[in-house]
């Protein structure tokens, strides 16, 4: 893996955030705070970049793990930013109830409904408050393999930590004094009870980081487990549609 000057990297990300917000001529940033490390780092970077009065944190429980909301609230108190909680569980349950008689769904469609409801809530709050950009919380590792919900947590205006691999996010978190319990918590999208990122993906983040880093930099992969490399390559290929604008038919005249 690469060796970063993390203090300098944090400074550069925060400068980039300020410049992006200034160029968009908006009032501030809204962030969906899950209680996990990625949203904690993203929120901290945004606060450092713009100041606490220009950042709004959102807690959006939707049949999720209660402890995550407690960690989200703790983070916002620590950072001194406004926290808005919107309970989406009843909306989720009503949507499922209304549609279950019309179409036979599946577990993944139901799971992905949660981040899509959150996306709508975040943009609603951002626009209601005035001109606020939506900060994404995905890291480089997750973006590469498409480990996010299209038009859910992937529906954002910009990605402050999108260039950091997961192992780098952990180091930045320590530098930013993110609470230790958030850093050590097993990463989870909270899509269902007991769900963890590594359990769903089937590969640890440490292995993912190394493979994706080498692919990104066209480095040798021969000393790594072949099955893992092939699996990651397949995920990257399958994720291409998530990382591109929708294609459209062109008429050249």
Protein backbone atom coordinates (compact mmCIF):
# COMPACT_ATOMS: atom_id res chain seq x y z
CA UNK A 1 0.00 0.00 0.00
CA UNK A 2 1.05 3.60 -0.50
CA UNK A 3 2.52 5.73 2.25
CA UNK A 4 0.64 8.97 2.76
CA UNK A 5 1.45 12.05 4.75
CA UNK A 6 -1.90 11.92 6.54
CA UNK A 7 -1.76 15.40 8.03
CA UNK A 8 -1.08 16.84 4.60
CA UNK A 9 -3.77 14.66 3.04
CA UNK A 10 -6.35 15.88 5.57
CA UNK A 11 -5.35 19.48 4.86
CA UNK A 12 -5.72 18.94 1.11
CA UNK A 13 -9.13 17.24 1.43
CA UNK A 14 -10.44 20.06 3.61
CA UNK A 15 -9.17 22.67 1.15
CA UNK A 16 -10.85 20.72 -1.68
CA UNK A 17 -14.14 20.69 0.24
CA UNK A 18 -13.98 24.47 0.80
CA UNK A 19 -13.21 25.12 -2.86
CA UNK A 20 -15.99 22.82 -4.04
CA UNK A 21 -18.57 24.44 -1.78
CA UNK A 22 -17.43 27.93 -2.79
CA UNK A 23 -17.61 27.07 -6.50
CA UNK A 24 -21.14 25.69 -6.07
CA UNK A 25 -22.20 28.88 -4.25
CA UNK A 26 -24.09 27.01 -1.54
CA UNK A 27 -24.67 27.64 2.16
CA UNK A 28 -23.25 24.44 3.58
CA UNK A 29 -23.33 20.65 3.66
CA UNK A 30 -25.72 17.97 4.87
CA UNK A 31 -24.38 14.53 5.80
CA UNK A 32 -26.22 11.34 6.60
CA UNK A 33 -24.47 10.04 9.73
CA UNK A 34 -24.77 6.29 10.19
CA UNK A 35 -22.67 5.98 13.31
CA UNK A 36 -19.90 4.28 11.34
CA UNK A 37 -16.33 5.33 10.60
CA UNK A 38 -16.83 6.59 7.04
CA UNK A 39 -19.61 9.04 7.86
CA UNK A 40 -17.74 10.10 11.02
CA UNK A 41 -14.59 10.94 9.05
CA UNK A 42 -16.56 12.67 6.30
CA UNK A 43 -18.48 14.82 8.78
CA UNK A 44 -15.32 15.72 10.70
CA UNK A 45 -13.55 16.78 7.51
CA UNK A 46 -16.52 18.93 6.48
CA UNK A 47 -16.69 20.61 9.89
CA UNK A 48 -12.97 21.37 9.81
CA UNK A 49 -13.30 22.72 6.28
CA UNK A 50 -16.32 24.99 6.75
CA UNK A 51 -17.00 25.37 10.45
CA UNK A 52 -19.69 23.71 12.54
CA UNK A 53 -22.50 26.18 11.76
CA UNK A 54 -22.46 25.22 8.07
CA UNK A 55 -22.79 21.45 8.57
CA UNK A 56 -26.03 19.57 9.29
CA UNK A 57 -25.89 15.96 10.44
CA UNK A 58 -28.83 13.67 9.79
CA UNK A 59 -29.78 10.54 11.68
CA UNK A 60 -32.09 8.44 9.53
CA UNK A 61 -33.09 5.24 11.34
CA UNK A 62 -34.91 2.80 9.09
CA UNK A 63 -35.21 -0.53 10.90
CA UNK A 64 -31.52 -0.11 11.67
CA UNK A 65 -29.35 -0.91 14.68
CA UNK A 66 -30.19 1.39 17.67
CA UNK A 67 -26.54 1.70 18.77
CA UNK A 68 -25.63 3.32 15.45
CA UNK A 69 -27.98 6.24 16.14
CA UNK A 70 -26.47 6.70 19.61
CA UNK A 71 -22.99 6.86 18.07
CA UNK A 72 -24.22 9.33 15.46
CA UNK A 73 -25.67 11.59 18.16
CA UNK A 74 -22.46 11.33 20.19
CA UNK A 75 -20.39 12.38 17.18
CA UNK A 76 -22.54 15.41 16.41
CA UNK A 77 -22.35 16.57 20.03
CA UNK A 78 -18.59 16.15 19.96
CA UNK A 79 -18.35 18.20 16.76
CA UNK A 80 -20.90 20.75 17.92
CA UNK A 81 -23.10 20.56 14.84
CA UNK A 82 -26.86 20.52 14.41
CA UNK A 83 -28.37 17.03 14.37
CA UNK A 84 -31.74 16.24 12.81
CA UNK A 85 -33.33 12.84 13.33
CA UNK A 86 -35.96 11.57 10.91
CA UNK A 87 -37.54 8.21 11.70
CA UNK A 88 -38.06 6.38 8.40
CA UNK A 89 -39.09 2.98 9.74
CA UNK A 90 -42.85 3.60 9.47
CA UNK A 91 -42.45 4.97 5.93
CA UNK A 92 -40.41 1.90 4.97
CA UNK A 93 -42.96 -0.47 6.49
CA UNK A 94 -45.87 1.31 4.77
CA UNK A 95 -44.13 1.20 1.39
CA UNK A 96 -43.53 -2.54 1.76
CA UNK A 97 -47.13 -3.06 2.83
CA UNK A 98 -48.52 -1.13 -0.16
CA UNK A 99 -46.32 -2.87 -2.72
CA UNK A 100 -46.33 -6.44 -1.44
CA UNK A 101 -49.74 -7.11 -2.98
CA UNK A 102 -48.56 -5.74 -6.35
CA UNK A 103 -45.16 -7.33 -6.83
CA UNK A 104 -43.13 -10.13 -5.31
CA UNK A 105 -39.96 -8.52 -4.01
CA UNK A 106 -36.69 -9.98 -2.73
CA UNK A 107 -34.44 -9.36 0.27
CA UNK A 108 -31.90 -7.24 -1.62
CA UNK A 109 -34.56 -4.97 -3.12
CA UNK A 110 -36.04 -4.48 0.33
CA UNK A 111 -32.61 -3.81 1.83
CA UNK A 112 -31.73 -1.25 -0.85
CA UNK A 113 -35.02 0.55 -0.26
CA UNK A 114 -33.61 1.84 3.04
CA UNK A 115 -30.66 3.85 1.65
CA UNK A 116 -32.90 5.13 -1.15
CA UNK A 117 -35.39 6.47 1.38
CA UNK A 118 -32.48 8.05 3.25
CA UNK A 119 -31.24 9.69 0.06
CA UNK A 120 -34.64 11.32 -0.52
CA UNK A 121 -34.73 12.56 3.08
CA UNK A 122 -31.21 14.03 2.89
CA UNK A 123 -31.92 15.94 -0.32
CA UNK A 124 -35.28 17.11 1.05
CA UNK A 125 -33.62 18.54 4.15
CA UNK A 126 -30.78 20.09 2.16
CA UNK A 127 -33.13 21.85 -0.22
CA UNK A 128 -35.55 22.87 2.54
CA UNK A 129 -32.78 24.59 4.48
CA UNK A 130 -31.62 26.45 1.39
CA UNK A 131 -28.70 25.55 -0.82
CA UNK A 132 -26.89 22.67 0.90
CA UNK A 133 -24.74 20.08 -0.86
CA UNK A 134 -25.04 16.40 0.07
CA UNK A 135 -21.71 14.89 1.11
CA UNK A 136 -21.20 11.24 0.28
CA UNK A 137 -19.46 8.91 2.71
CA UNK A 138 -18.08 6.20 0.41
CA UNK A 139 -14.37 5.39 0.36
CA UNK A 140 -12.24 4.35 -2.63
CA UNK A 141 -12.54 0.65 -1.79
CA UNK A 142 -16.33 0.66 -1.75
CA UNK A 143 -16.63 2.83 -4.85
CA UNK A 144 -14.31 0.52 -6.82
CA UNK A 145 -16.39 -2.61 -6.21
CA UNK A 146 -19.75 -0.86 -6.24
CA UNK A 147 -20.44 -1.52 -2.57
CA UNK A 148 -23.11 1.14 -2.33
CA UNK A 149 -26.73 1.44 -3.39
CA UNK A 150 -27.29 3.13 -6.71
CA UNK A 151 -29.43 6.24 -6.11
CA UNK A 152 -29.20 5.45 -2.41
CA UNK A 153 -25.98 6.21 -0.54
CA UNK A 154 -24.49 6.61 -4.03
CA UNK A 155 -26.84 9.54 -4.67
CA UNK A 156 -24.68 12.44 -3.47
CA UNK A 157 -23.10 15.67 -4.71
CA UNK A 158 -19.48 14.90 -3.87
CA UNK A 159 -17.33 12.28 -2.12
CA UNK A 160 -14.77 13.76 0.32
CA UNK A 161 -13.15 10.39 1.17
CA UNK A 162 -13.64 8.81 -2.25
CA UNK A 163 -9.87 8.76 -2.83
CA UNK A 164 -9.01 7.01 0.45
CA UNK A 165 -8.82 3.24 0.82
CA UNK A 166 -10.52 1.78 3.90
CA UNK A 167 -7.26 1.30 5.81
CA UNK A 168 -6.44 4.97 5.14
CA UNK A 169 -9.85 6.07 6.41
CA UNK A 170 -9.03 4.36 9.72
CA UNK A 171 -5.78 6.31 10.04
CA UNK A 172 -7.46 9.59 9.17
CA UNK A 173 -10.15 8.81 11.75
CA UNK A 174 -7.53 8.58 14.49
CA UNK A 175 -5.93 11.82 13.34
CA UNK A 176 -9.33 13.54 13.51
CA UNK A 177 -10.02 12.13 17.00
CA UNK A 178 -13.06 10.12 15.94
CA UNK A 179 -14.31 8.18 19.02
CA UNK A 180 -12.50 4.85 19.39
CA UNK A 181 -15.74 2.86 19.61
CA UNK A 182 -16.71 4.11 16.13
CA UNK A 183 -13.29 3.28 14.68
CA UNK A 184 -13.33 -0.26 16.11
CA UNK A 185 -16.93 -1.03 15.19
CA UNK A 186 -17.30 -3.69 12.45
CA UNK A 187 -18.31 -1.77 9.28
CA UNK A 188 -21.98 -2.27 8.45
CA UNK A 189 -24.48 -0.65 6.12
CA UNK A 190 -27.22 -1.56 8.59
CA UNK A 191 -29.32 -3.16 5.86
CA UNK A 192 -30.48 -6.01 8.09
CA UNK A 193 -29.86 -7.28 11.61
CA UNK A 194 -26.33 -8.65 12.03
CA UNK A 195 -25.19 -7.50 8.58
CA UNK A 196 -21.53 -6.52 8.19
CA UNK A 197 -19.73 -5.22 5.11
CA UNK A 198 -16.98 -7.85 5.16
CA UNK A 199 -19.47 -10.64 5.78
CA UNK A 200 -21.58 -9.60 2.82
CA UNK A 201 -18.64 -8.96 0.49
CA UNK A 202 -16.87 -12.16 1.54
CA UNK A 203 -13.40 -10.55 1.71
CA UNK A 204 -11.79 -8.47 4.44
CA UNK A 205 -11.15 -4.79 3.81
CA UNK A 206 -7.41 -5.31 4.26
CA UNK A 207 -7.36 -7.78 1.36
CA UNK A 208 -9.72 -5.62 -0.71
CA UNK A 209 -7.53 -2.56 -0.18
CA UNK A 210 -4.39 -4.34 -1.30
CA UNK A 211 -5.96 -5.84 -4.43
CA UNK A 212 -7.70 -2.63 -5.49
CA UNK A 213 -4.58 -0.55 -4.80
CA UNK A 214 -2.51 -2.82 -7.03
CA UNK A 215 -5.14 -2.81 -9.78
CA UNK A 216 -5.38 0.99 -9.59
CA UNK A 217 -1.62 1.30 -9.95
CA UNK A 218 -1.11 -1.58 -12.40
CA UNK A 219 1.08 -3.52 -9.95
CA UNK A 220 1.77 -7.24 -9.86
CA UNK A 221 -0.94 -9.44 -8.32
CA UNK A 222 0.75 -12.84 -8.60
CA UNK A 223 1.56 -13.21 -4.89
CA UNK A 224 -2.07 -12.69 -3.87
CA UNK A 225 -4.78 -15.35 -3.65
CA UNK A 226 -6.04 -15.90 -7.18
CA UNK A 227 -9.66 -16.51 -6.17
CA UNK A 228 -9.75 -13.20 -4.25
CA UNK A 229 -8.19 -11.28 -7.14
CA UNK A 230 -10.63 -12.73 -9.66
CA UNK A 231 -13.57 -12.00 -7.37
CA UNK A 232 -12.53 -8.37 -6.90
CA UNK A 233 -11.96 -7.92 -10.63
CA UNK A 234 -15.43 -9.30 -11.27
CA UNK A 235 -16.97 -6.89 -8.73
CA UNK A 236 -15.14 -3.93 -10.29
CA UNK A 237 -16.43 -4.89 -13.73
CA UNK A 238 -19.99 -5.36 -12.47
CA UNK A 239 -19.85 -1.96 -10.73
CA UNK A 240 -19.06 0.03 -13.87
CA UNK A 241 -22.69 1.05 -14.40
CA UNK A 242 -22.79 2.50 -10.88
CA UNK A 243 -19.79 4.74 -11.45
CA UNK A 244 -20.89 6.25 -14.74
CA UNK A 245 -23.62 8.58 -15.88
CA UNK A 246 -26.55 6.71 -17.48
CA UNK A 247 -25.88 6.07 -21.16
CA UNK A 248 -28.18 7.59 -23.75
CA UNK A 249 -28.78 7.03 -27.45
CA UNK A 250 -26.89 9.62 -29.49
CA UNK A 251 -28.14 11.04 -32.77
CA UNK A 252 -25.23 12.39 -34.77
CA UNK A 253 -26.44 14.71 -37.50
